[in-house]
Amino acid sequence: MDLEKYIREKQAAREILIMTHIVLGYPSLAVNEDIIEEMAAGGVDLIEMQIPFSEPVADGPVIVKANQAAIAEGIRVNSCFEFAARITGQYNIPFLFMTYYNIVYKYGPENFLKKARECGIQGLIIPDLPPEEGEDFLAGAREQGIAPIMIFSPTSSLERMEFLAGHGQGFIYCVARRGVTGNQTSFDQEFASYIRKCRRATHLPLAVGFGISSSEDITYLKDKADIGVIGTKTIKLVEGDGVRAVGPFIRSLRNTRN
């Protein structure tokens, strides 16, 4: 599956796509499977699965806690691969891995990419791996048919964005604001200007994440981005209301777009 082609084809029927995020092993892989079932039934278009790391520097307290809890319960990288191999065959949507480069490095970059391809992973998000330091790994991902997802931030210059986009495939992940995941994002004129700059920098679809948590957020993003990314919100839903709250929440986002 060509990730960008999939996104473009989906856009023909939907104003904006939804990508969700889970931390593998939190609260357990069995519960992860139930959450994914709810997400798919609710109509998500892509799912990002995070391989836990002890120091997830781009993440806020909710996702940090989930990473730490999963590690404490004994999650291992091979367990994540085994889970992915099973789950990707059950749903006709792209699954991506998100993790930090220390995980990749310790596993072995070539082995990591080979296993990811065998597991049906369509894209990789490695927020602490700049192209200058990961050129061979990113090229290896492309050779394996796995889209390396580059990240734009509000502090990125247009020139930096263009450089990053030249190393990416699938889509660009646009960090909505400075800081870490989880905090609410304020959509203002500064944000609108930032997204316009992102558009100028690349032909790839734009995904916006960090603090996206409501139908109002998705509605705002409709004519500005191609994908809205929901992360911390679904973890909080599962913690507070249980797995069965996830499907209705996803459908409530979908209902604002039809």
C-alpha atoms as a PDB file:
ATOM      1  CA  MET A   1       0.000   0.000   0.000  1.00  0.00           C
ATOM      2  CA  ASP A   2       1.351   3.408  -1.001  1.00  0.00           C
ATOM      3  CA  LEU A   3       0.593   5.600   2.016  1.00  0.00           C
ATOM      4  CA  GLU A   4       0.270   8.903   0.167  1.00  0.00           C
ATOM      5  CA  LYS A   5      -1.927   7.295  -2.498  1.00  0.00           C
ATOM      6  CA  TYR A   6      -4.168   5.825   0.217  1.00  0.00           C
ATOM      7  CA  ILE A   7      -4.559   9.259   1.827  1.00  0.00           C
ATOM      8  CA  ARG A   8      -5.348  10.944  -1.487  1.00  0.00           C
ATOM      9  CA  GLU A   9      -7.967   8.331  -2.356  1.00  0.00           C
ATOM     10  CA  LYS A  10      -9.595   8.675   1.071  1.00  0.00           C
ATOM     11  CA  GLN A  11      -9.703  12.448   0.643  1.00  0.00           C
ATOM     12  CA  ALA A  12     -11.985  12.044  -2.343  1.00  0.00           C
ATOM     13  CA  ALA A  13     -14.785  11.080   0.058  1.00  0.00           C
ATOM     14  CA  ARG A  14     -13.796  12.887   3.281  1.00  0.00           C
ATOM     15  CA  GLU A  15     -12.914  16.460   4.065  1.00  0.00           C
ATOM     16  CA  ILE A  16     -10.286  15.446   6.599  1.00  0.00           C
ATOM     17  CA  LEU A  17      -8.954  12.099   7.782  1.00  0.00           C
ATOM     18  CA  ILE A  18      -8.461  10.932  11.365  1.00  0.00           C
ATOM     19  CA  MET A  19      -5.343   9.241  12.717  1.00  0.00           C
ATOM     20  CA  THR A  20      -5.325   7.844  16.247  1.00  0.00           C
ATOM     21  CA  HIS A  21      -2.477   6.901  18.564  1.00  0.00           C
ATOM     22  CA  ILE A  22      -2.030   4.067  21.043  1.00  0.00           C
ATOM     23  CA  VAL A  23       0.852   3.087  23.300  1.00  0.00           C
ATOM     24  CA  LEU A  24       1.513  -0.615  22.846  1.00  0.00           C
ATOM     25  CA  GLY A  25       1.234  -2.546  26.069  1.00  0.00           C
ATOM     26  CA  TYR A  26      -0.804   0.104  27.871  1.00  0.00           C
ATOM     27  CA  PRO A  27      -2.775  -0.968  29.683  1.00  0.00           C
ATOM     28  CA  SER A  28      -2.082  -4.307  27.952  1.00  0.00           C
ATOM     29  CA  LEU A  29      -1.794  -5.704  24.445  1.00  0.00           C
ATOM     30  CA  ALA A  30      -5.157  -7.427  24.888  1.00  0.00           C
ATOM     31  CA  VAL A  31      -6.786  -4.091  25.678  1.00  0.00           C
ATOM     32  CA  ASN A  32      -4.884  -2.473  22.796  1.00  0.00           C
ATOM     33  CA  GLU A  33      -6.575  -4.957  20.490  1.00  0.00           C
ATOM     34  CA  ASP A  34     -10.000  -3.985  21.835  1.00  0.00           C
ATOM     35  CA  ILE A  35      -9.179  -0.277  21.480  1.00  0.00           C
ATOM     36  CA  ILE A  36      -8.139  -0.752  17.851  1.00  0.00           C
ATOM     37  CA  GLU A  37     -11.372  -2.615  17.177  1.00  0.00           C
ATOM     38  CA  GLU A  38     -13.299   0.364  18.568  1.00  0.00           C
ATOM     39  CA  MET A  39     -11.219   2.834  16.573  1.00  0.00           C
ATOM     40  CA  ALA A  40     -11.725   0.927  13.344  1.00  0.00           C
ATOM     41  CA  ALA A  41     -15.461   0.588  13.968  1.00  0.00           C
ATOM     42  CA  GLY A  42     -15.593   4.324  14.629  1.00  0.00           C
ATOM     43  CA  GLY A  43     -14.066   5.030  11.248  1.00  0.00           C
ATOM     44  CA  VAL A  44     -10.431   6.007  11.810  1.00  0.00           C
ATOM     45  CA  ASP A  45      -8.307   6.225   8.683  1.00  0.00           C
ATOM     46  CA  LEU A  46      -4.822   5.523  10.110  1.00  0.00           C
ATOM     47  CA  ILE A  47      -3.501   4.209  13.429  1.00  0.00           C
ATOM     48  CA  GLU A  48      -0.142   5.110  14.974  1.00  0.00           C
ATOM     49  CA  MET A  49       1.217   2.500  17.382  1.00  0.00           C
ATOM     50  CA  GLN A  50       3.911   3.669  19.796  1.00  0.00           C
ATOM     51  CA  ILE A  51       6.660   1.271  20.824  1.00  0.00           C
ATOM     52  CA  PRO A  52       7.306   2.338  24.436  1.00  0.00           C
ATOM     53  CA  PHE A  53      10.544   4.031  25.424  1.00  0.00           C
ATOM     54  CA  SER A  54      11.715   5.062  28.883  1.00  0.00           C
ATOM     55  CA  GLU A  55      12.405   8.691  27.906  1.00  0.00           C
ATOM     56  CA  PRO A  56       9.793   9.771  25.343  1.00  0.00           C
ATOM     57  CA  VAL A  57      10.961  13.383  25.120  1.00  0.00           C
ATOM     58  CA  ALA A  58       8.289  14.611  22.674  1.00  0.00           C
ATOM     59  CA  ASP A  59       5.424  13.317  24.795  1.00  0.00           C
ATOM     60  CA  GLY A  60       3.410  14.880  27.578  1.00  0.00           C
ATOM     61  CA  PRO A  61       2.623  13.390  31.000  1.00  0.00           C
ATOM     62  CA  VAL A  62      -0.281  11.148  29.931  1.00  0.00           C
ATOM     63  CA  ILE A  63       1.679   9.394  27.196  1.00  0.00           C
ATOM     64  CA  VAL A  64       4.872   9.352  29.292  1.00  0.00           C
ATOM     65  CA  LYS A  65       2.955   7.554  32.044  1.00  0.00           C
ATOM     66  CA  ALA A  66       1.565   5.083  29.507  1.00  0.00           C
ATOM     67  CA  ASN A  67       5.081   4.373  28.189  1.00  0.00           C
ATOM     68  CA  GLN A  68       6.442   3.823  31.678  1.00  0.00           C
ATOM     69  CA  ALA A  69       3.538   1.607  32.719  1.00  0.00           C
ATOM     70  CA  ALA A  70       3.884  -0.560  29.606  1.00  0.00           C
ATOM     71  CA  ILE A  71       7.621  -0.991  30.244  1.00  0.00           C
ATOM     72  CA  ALA A  72       6.974  -1.818  33.910  1.00  0.00           C
ATOM     73  CA  GLU A  73       4.541  -4.516  32.797  1.00  0.00           C
ATOM     74  CA  GLY A  74       7.232  -6.090  30.645  1.00  0.00           C
ATOM     75  CA  ILE A  75       6.448  -4.942  27.100  1.00  0.00           C
ATOM     76  CA  ARG A  76       9.267  -5.748  24.686  1.00  0.00           C
ATOM     77  CA  VAL A  77      10.016  -4.679  21.119  1.00  0.00           C
ATOM     78  CA  ASN A  78       9.476  -8.201  19.831  1.00  0.00           C
ATOM     79  CA  SER A  79       6.075  -8.268  21.526  1.00  0.00           C
ATOM     80  CA  CYS A  80       5.204  -5.081  19.608  1.00  0.00           C
ATOM     81  CA  PHE A  81       6.274  -6.677  16.333  1.00  0.00           C
ATOM     82  CA  GLU A  82       4.232  -9.797  17.065  1.00  0.00           C
ATOM     83  CA  PHE A  83       1.193  -7.686  17.906  1.00  0.00           C
ATOM     84  CA  ALA A  84       1.605  -5.627  14.724  1.00  0.00           C
ATOM     85  CA  ALA A  85       1.920  -8.740  12.565  1.00  0.00           C
ATOM     86  CA  ARG A  86      -1.393  -9.962  13.931  1.00  0.00           C
ATOM     87  CA  ILE A  87      -3.325  -6.680  13.894  1.00  0.00           C
ATOM     88  CA  THR A  88      -2.338  -5.242  10.505  1.00  0.00           C
ATOM     89  CA  GLY A  89      -3.891  -8.199   8.718  1.00  0.00           C
ATOM     90  CA  GLN A  90      -7.257  -7.659  10.396  1.00  0.00           C
ATOM     91  CA  TYR A  91      -8.019  -4.136   9.159  1.00  0.00           C
ATOM     92  CA  ASN A  92      -7.840  -2.435   5.782  1.00  0.00           C
ATOM     93  CA  ILE A  93      -6.203   0.704   7.148  1.00  0.00           C
ATOM     94  CA  PRO A  94      -2.530   1.703   7.414  1.00  0.00           C
ATOM     95  CA  PHE A  95      -0.707   1.119  10.689  1.00  0.00           C
ATOM     96  CA  LEU A  96       2.398   3.109  11.582  1.00  0.00           C
ATOM     97  CA  PHE A  97       5.049   2.683  14.233  1.00  0.00           C
ATOM     98  CA  MET A  98       6.100   5.649  16.340  1.00  0.00           C
ATOM     99  CA  THR A  99       9.102   5.332  18.636  1.00  0.00           C
ATOM    100  CA  TYR A 100      12.459   6.871  19.512  1.00  0.00           C
ATOM    101  CA  TYR A 101      15.723   6.082  17.789  1.00  0.00           C
ATOM    102  CA  ASN A 102      17.319   4.442  20.825  1.00  0.00           C
ATOM    103  CA  ILE A 103      14.825   1.597  20.373  1.00  0.00           C
ATOM    104  CA  VAL A 104      15.755   1.255  16.700  1.00  0.00           C
ATOM    105  CA  TYR A 105      19.488   1.486  17.398  1.00  0.00           C
ATOM    106  CA  LYS A 106      19.453  -1.194  20.092  1.00  0.00           C
ATOM    107  CA  TYR A 107      17.359  -3.527  17.943  1.00  0.00           C
ATOM    108  CA  GLY A 108      19.537  -2.922  14.900  1.00  0.00           C
ATOM    109  CA  PRO A 109      18.284  -0.522  12.202  1.00  0.00           C
ATOM    110  CA  GLU A 110      18.294  -3.048   9.364  1.00  0.00           C
ATOM    111  CA  ASN A 111      16.597  -5.714  11.468  1.00  0.00           C
ATOM    112  CA  PHE A 112      14.048  -3.192  12.727  1.00  0.00           C
ATOM    113  CA  LEU A 113      13.084  -2.158   9.203  1.00  0.00           C
ATOM    114  CA  LYS A 114      12.930  -5.749   7.980  1.00  0.00           C
ATOM    115  CA  LYS A 115      10.668  -6.775  10.852  1.00  0.00           C
ATOM    116  CA  ALA A 116       8.471  -3.691  10.403  1.00  0.00           C
ATOM    117  CA  ARG A 117       7.969  -4.516   6.730  1.00  0.00           C
ATOM    118  CA  GLU A 118       7.189  -8.152   7.527  1.00  0.00           C
ATOM    119  CA  CYS A 119       4.627  -6.957  10.093  1.00  0.00           C
ATOM    120  CA  GLY A 120       2.780  -4.822   7.540  1.00  0.00           C
ATOM    121  CA  ILE A 121       3.817  -1.434   8.936  1.00  0.00           C
ATOM    122  CA  GLN A 122       3.231   1.362   6.411  1.00  0.00           C
ATOM    123  CA  GLY A 123       5.067   4.280   8.032  1.00  0.00           C
ATOM    124  CA  LEU A 124       7.542   5.258  10.739  1.00  0.00           C
ATOM    125  CA  ILE A 125       7.579   8.331  12.989  1.00  0.00           C
ATOM    126  CA  ILE A 126      10.915   8.784  14.804  1.00  0.00           C
ATOM    127  CA  PRO A 127      10.765  12.284  16.335  1.00  0.00           C
ATOM    128  CA  ASP A 128      14.359  12.365  17.591  1.00  0.00           C
ATOM    129  CA  LEU A 129      16.035  11.321  14.318  1.00  0.00           C
ATOM    130  CA  PRO A 130      16.922  14.282  12.067  1.00  0.00           C
ATOM    131  CA  PRO A 131      17.773  13.446   8.441  1.00  0.00           C
ATOM    132  CA  GLU A 132      21.347  14.611   8.933  1.00  0.00           C
ATOM    133  CA  GLU A 133      21.883  11.766  11.402  1.00  0.00           C
ATOM    134  CA  GLY A 134      19.523   9.188   9.932  1.00  0.00           C
ATOM    135  CA  GLU A 135      19.948   9.421   6.174  1.00  0.00           C
ATOM    136  CA  ASP A 136      20.836   5.742   5.746  1.00  0.00           C
ATOM    137  CA  PHE A 137      17.993   4.597   7.978  1.00  0.00           C
ATOM    138  CA  LEU A 138      15.456   6.788   6.186  1.00  0.00           C
ATOM    139  CA  ALA A 139      16.666   5.558   2.809  1.00  0.00           C
ATOM    140  CA  GLY A 140      16.403   1.998   4.102  1.00  0.00           C
ATOM    141  CA  ALA A 141      12.812   2.611   5.152  1.00  0.00           C
ATOM    142  CA  ARG A 142      11.927   3.859   1.676  1.00  0.00           C
ATOM    143  CA  GLU A 143      13.610   0.802   0.138  1.00  0.00           C
ATOM    144  CA  GLN A 144      11.463  -1.429   2.352  1.00  0.00           C
ATOM    145  CA  GLY A 145       8.304   0.369   1.224  1.00  0.00           C
ATOM    146  CA  ILE A 146       7.836   2.041   4.616  1.00  0.00           C
ATOM    147  CA  ALA A 147       7.145   5.777   4.541  1.00  0.00           C
ATOM    148  CA  PRO A 148       9.493   7.813   6.774  1.00  0.00           C
ATOM    149  CA  ILE A 149       7.273  10.535   8.260  1.00  0.00           C
ATOM    150  CA  MET A 150       9.011  13.872   8.727  1.00  0.00           C
ATOM    151  CA  ILE A 151       7.995  16.385  11.391  1.00  0.00           C
ATOM    152  CA  PHE A 152       7.452  20.139  10.982  1.00  0.00           C
ATOM    153  CA  SER A 153       7.285  22.415  14.013  1.00  0.00           C
ATOM    154  CA  PRO A 154       6.287  26.076  14.489  1.00  0.00           C
ATOM    155  CA  THR A 155       9.969  26.953  14.911  1.00  0.00           C
ATOM    156  CA  SER A 156      10.967  25.402  11.555  1.00  0.00           C
ATOM    157  CA  SER A 157      11.976  27.810   8.811  1.00  0.00           C
ATOM    158  CA  LEU A 158      10.586  27.350   5.312  1.00  0.00           C
ATOM    159  CA  GLU A 159      14.009  26.193   4.166  1.00  0.00           C
ATOM    160  CA  ARG A 160      14.172  23.617   6.955  1.00  0.00           C
ATOM    161  CA  MET A 161      10.699  22.363   6.122  1.00  0.00           C
ATOM    162  CA  GLU A 162      11.622  21.930   2.469  1.00  0.00           C
ATOM    163  CA  PHE A 163      14.758  20.010   3.469  1.00  0.00           C
ATOM    164  CA  LEU A 164      12.785  17.721   5.789  1.00  0.00           C
ATOM    165  CA  ALA A 165      10.067  17.113   3.199  1.00  0.00           C
ATOM    166  CA  GLY A 166      12.713  15.974   0.733  1.00  0.00           C
ATOM    167  CA  HIS A 167      13.491  13.032   3.031  1.00  0.00           C
ATOM    168  CA  GLY A 168       9.882  12.082   3.774  1.00  0.00           C
ATOM    169  CA  GLN A 169       7.060  10.115   2.241  1.00  0.00           C
ATOM    170  CA  GLY A 170       3.391   9.476   2.993  1.00  0.00           C
ATOM    171  CA  PHE A 171       2.574  12.682   4.831  1.00  0.00           C
ATOM    172  CA  ILE A 172       4.129  15.354   7.016  1.00  0.00           C
ATOM    173  CA  TYR A 173       3.379  15.444  10.746  1.00  0.00           C
ATOM    174  CA  CYS A 174       2.865  19.091  11.702  1.00  0.00           C
ATOM    175  CA  VAL A 175       3.334  19.712  15.409  1.00  0.00           C
ATOM    176  CA  ALA A 176       0.575  22.179  16.257  1.00  0.00           C
ATOM    177  CA  ARG A 177       2.513  24.093  18.898  1.00  0.00           C
ATOM    178  CA  ARG A 178       5.719  24.239  20.884  1.00  0.00           C
ATOM    179  CA  GLY A 179       6.108  21.775  23.765  1.00  0.00           C
ATOM    180  CA  VAL A 180       4.968  18.194  24.230  1.00  0.00           C
ATOM    181  CA  THR A 181       1.831  16.208  23.490  1.00  0.00           C
ATOM    182  CA  GLY A 182      -1.361  16.480  25.509  1.00  0.00           C
ATOM    183  CA  ASN A 183      -1.832  20.183  26.219  1.00  0.00           C
ATOM    184  CA  GLN A 184      -4.685  21.942  24.471  1.00  0.00           C
ATOM    185  CA  THR A 185      -3.727  23.784  21.293  1.00  0.00           C
ATOM    186  CA  SER A 186      -4.936  27.316  20.628  1.00  0.00           C
ATOM    187  CA  PHE A 187      -5.909  27.806  17.006  1.00  0.00           C
ATOM    188  CA  ASP A 188      -5.159  31.419  16.226  1.00  0.00           C
ATOM    189  CA  GLN A 189      -3.747  33.547  13.427  1.00  0.00           C
ATOM    190  CA  GLU A 190      -0.221  32.437  14.265  1.00  0.00           C
ATOM    191  CA  PHE A 191      -1.239  28.797  13.825  1.00  0.00           C
ATOM    192  CA  ALA A 192      -3.002  29.559  10.527  1.00  0.00           C
ATOM    193  CA  SER A 193       0.122  31.286   9.229  1.00  0.00           C
ATOM    194  CA  TYR A 194       2.241  28.317  10.299  1.00  0.00           C
ATOM    195  CA  ILE A 195       0.032  25.839   8.417  1.00  0.00           C
ATOM    196  CA  ARG A 196       0.162  28.000   5.285  1.00  0.00           C
ATOM    197  CA  LYS A 197       3.962  27.846   5.483  1.00  0.00           C
ATOM    198  CA  CYS A 198       3.762  24.051   5.848  1.00  0.00           C
ATOM    199  CA  ARG A 199       1.690  23.922   2.656  1.00  0.00           C
ATOM    200  CA  ARG A 200       4.255  25.977   0.761  1.00  0.00           C
ATOM    201  CA  ALA A 201       7.047  23.648   1.842  1.00  0.00           C
ATOM    202  CA  THR A 202       5.695  20.330   0.536  1.00  0.00           C
ATOM    203  CA  HIS A 203       3.304  18.584  -1.806  1.00  0.00           C
ATOM    204  CA  LEU A 204       2.743  15.843   0.787  1.00  0.00           C
ATOM    205  CA  PRO A 205      -0.486  15.676   2.849  1.00  0.00           C
ATOM    206  CA  LEU A 206      -0.365  17.438   6.214  1.00  0.00           C
ATOM    207  CA  ALA A 207      -1.290  15.790   9.519  1.00  0.00           C
ATOM    208  CA  VAL A 208      -1.752  18.031  12.560  1.00  0.00           C
ATOM    209  CA  GLY A 209      -1.212  16.671  16.055  1.00  0.00           C
ATOM    210  CA  PHE A 210      -0.494  17.782  19.642  1.00  0.00           C
ATOM    211  CA  GLY A 211      -3.560  18.817  21.602  1.00  0.00           C
ATOM    212  CA  ILE A 212      -6.229  17.811  19.055  1.00  0.00           C
ATOM    213  CA  SER A 213      -9.100  16.498  21.159  1.00  0.00           C
ATOM    214  CA  SER A 214     -12.565  17.535  19.958  1.00  0.00           C
ATOM    215  CA  SER A 215     -14.943  17.773  17.033  1.00  0.00           C
ATOM    216  CA  GLU A 216     -14.418  21.544  17.129  1.00  0.00           C
ATOM    217  CA  ASP A 217     -10.689  21.028  16.582  1.00  0.00           C
ATOM    218  CA  ILE A 218     -11.356  18.724  13.627  1.00  0.00           C
ATOM    219  CA  THR A 219     -13.854  21.172  12.140  1.00  0.00           C
ATOM    220  CA  TYR A 220     -11.305  23.978  12.367  1.00  0.00           C
ATOM    221  CA  LEU A 221      -8.675  21.874  10.599  1.00  0.00           C
ATOM    222  CA  LYS A 222     -10.893  20.815   7.682  1.00  0.00           C
ATOM    223  CA  ASP A 223      -9.730  23.379   5.161  1.00  0.00           C
ATOM    224  CA  LYS A 224      -6.193  23.634   6.549  1.00  0.00           C
ATOM    225  CA  ALA A 225      -4.894  20.080   7.013  1.00  0.00           C
ATOM    226  CA  ASP A 226      -5.490  16.629   5.571  1.00  0.00           C
ATOM    227  CA  ILE A 227      -5.320  14.563   8.768  1.00  0.00           C
ATOM    228  CA  GLY A 228      -6.183  15.329  12.388  1.00  0.00           C
ATOM    229  CA  VAL A 229      -4.226  13.286  14.939  1.00  0.00           C
ATOM    230  CA  ILE A 230      -5.931  12.220  18.181  1.00  0.00           C
ATOM    231  CA  GLY A 231      -3.585  10.855  20.851  1.00  0.00           C
ATOM    232  CA  THR A 232      -3.820  11.791  24.518  1.00  0.00           C
ATOM    233  CA  LYS A 233      -7.602  12.154  24.393  1.00  0.00           C
ATOM    234  CA  THR A 234      -8.251   8.480  23.650  1.00  0.00           C
ATOM    235  CA  ILE A 235      -5.882   7.359  26.417  1.00  0.00           C
ATOM    236  CA  LYS A 236      -7.813   9.539  28.868  1.00  0.00           C
ATOM    237  CA  LEU A 237     -11.100   8.127  27.568  1.00  0.00           C
ATOM    238  CA  VAL A 238      -9.993   4.551  28.153  1.00  0.00           C
ATOM    239  CA  GLU A 239      -8.696   5.408  31.622  1.00  0.00           C
ATOM    240  CA  GLY A 240     -11.846   7.269  32.628  1.00  0.00           C
ATOM    241  CA  ASP A 241     -14.719   5.636  30.748  1.00  0.00           C
ATOM    242  CA  GLY A 242     -13.385   2.361  29.415  1.00  0.00           C
ATOM    243  CA  VAL A 243     -12.621   0.967  25.978  1.00  0.00           C
ATOM    244  CA  ARG A 244     -16.221   1.161  24.755  1.00  0.00           C
ATOM    245  CA  ALA A 245     -16.125   4.956  24.958  1.00  0.00           C
ATOM    246  CA  VAL A 246     -13.583   5.115  22.133  1.00  0.00           C
ATOM    247  CA  GLY A 247     -15.858   4.130  19.249  1.00  0.00           C
ATOM    248  CA  PRO A 248     -18.584   6.690  20.005  1.00  0.00           C
ATOM    249  CA  PHE A 249     -15.937   9.386  20.457  1.00  0.00           C
ATOM    250  CA  ILE A 250     -14.402   8.630  17.059  1.00  0.00           C
ATOM    251  CA  ARG A 251     -17.848   8.607  15.480  1.00  0.00           C
ATOM    252  CA  SER A 252     -18.580  12.002  17.028  1.00  0.00           C
ATOM    253  CA  LEU A 253     -15.532  13.376  15.202  1.00  0.00           C
ATOM    254  CA  ARG A 254     -16.635  11.701  11.989  1.00  0.00           C
ATOM    255  CA  ASN A 255     -20.141  13.147  12.283  1.00  0.00           C
ATOM    256  CA  THR A 256     -18.796  16.691  12.039  1.00  0.00           C
ATOM    257  CA  ARG A 257     -17.398  15.904   8.595  1.00  0.00           C
ATOM    258  CA  ASN A 258     -20.348  14.294   6.807  1.00  0.00           C
END
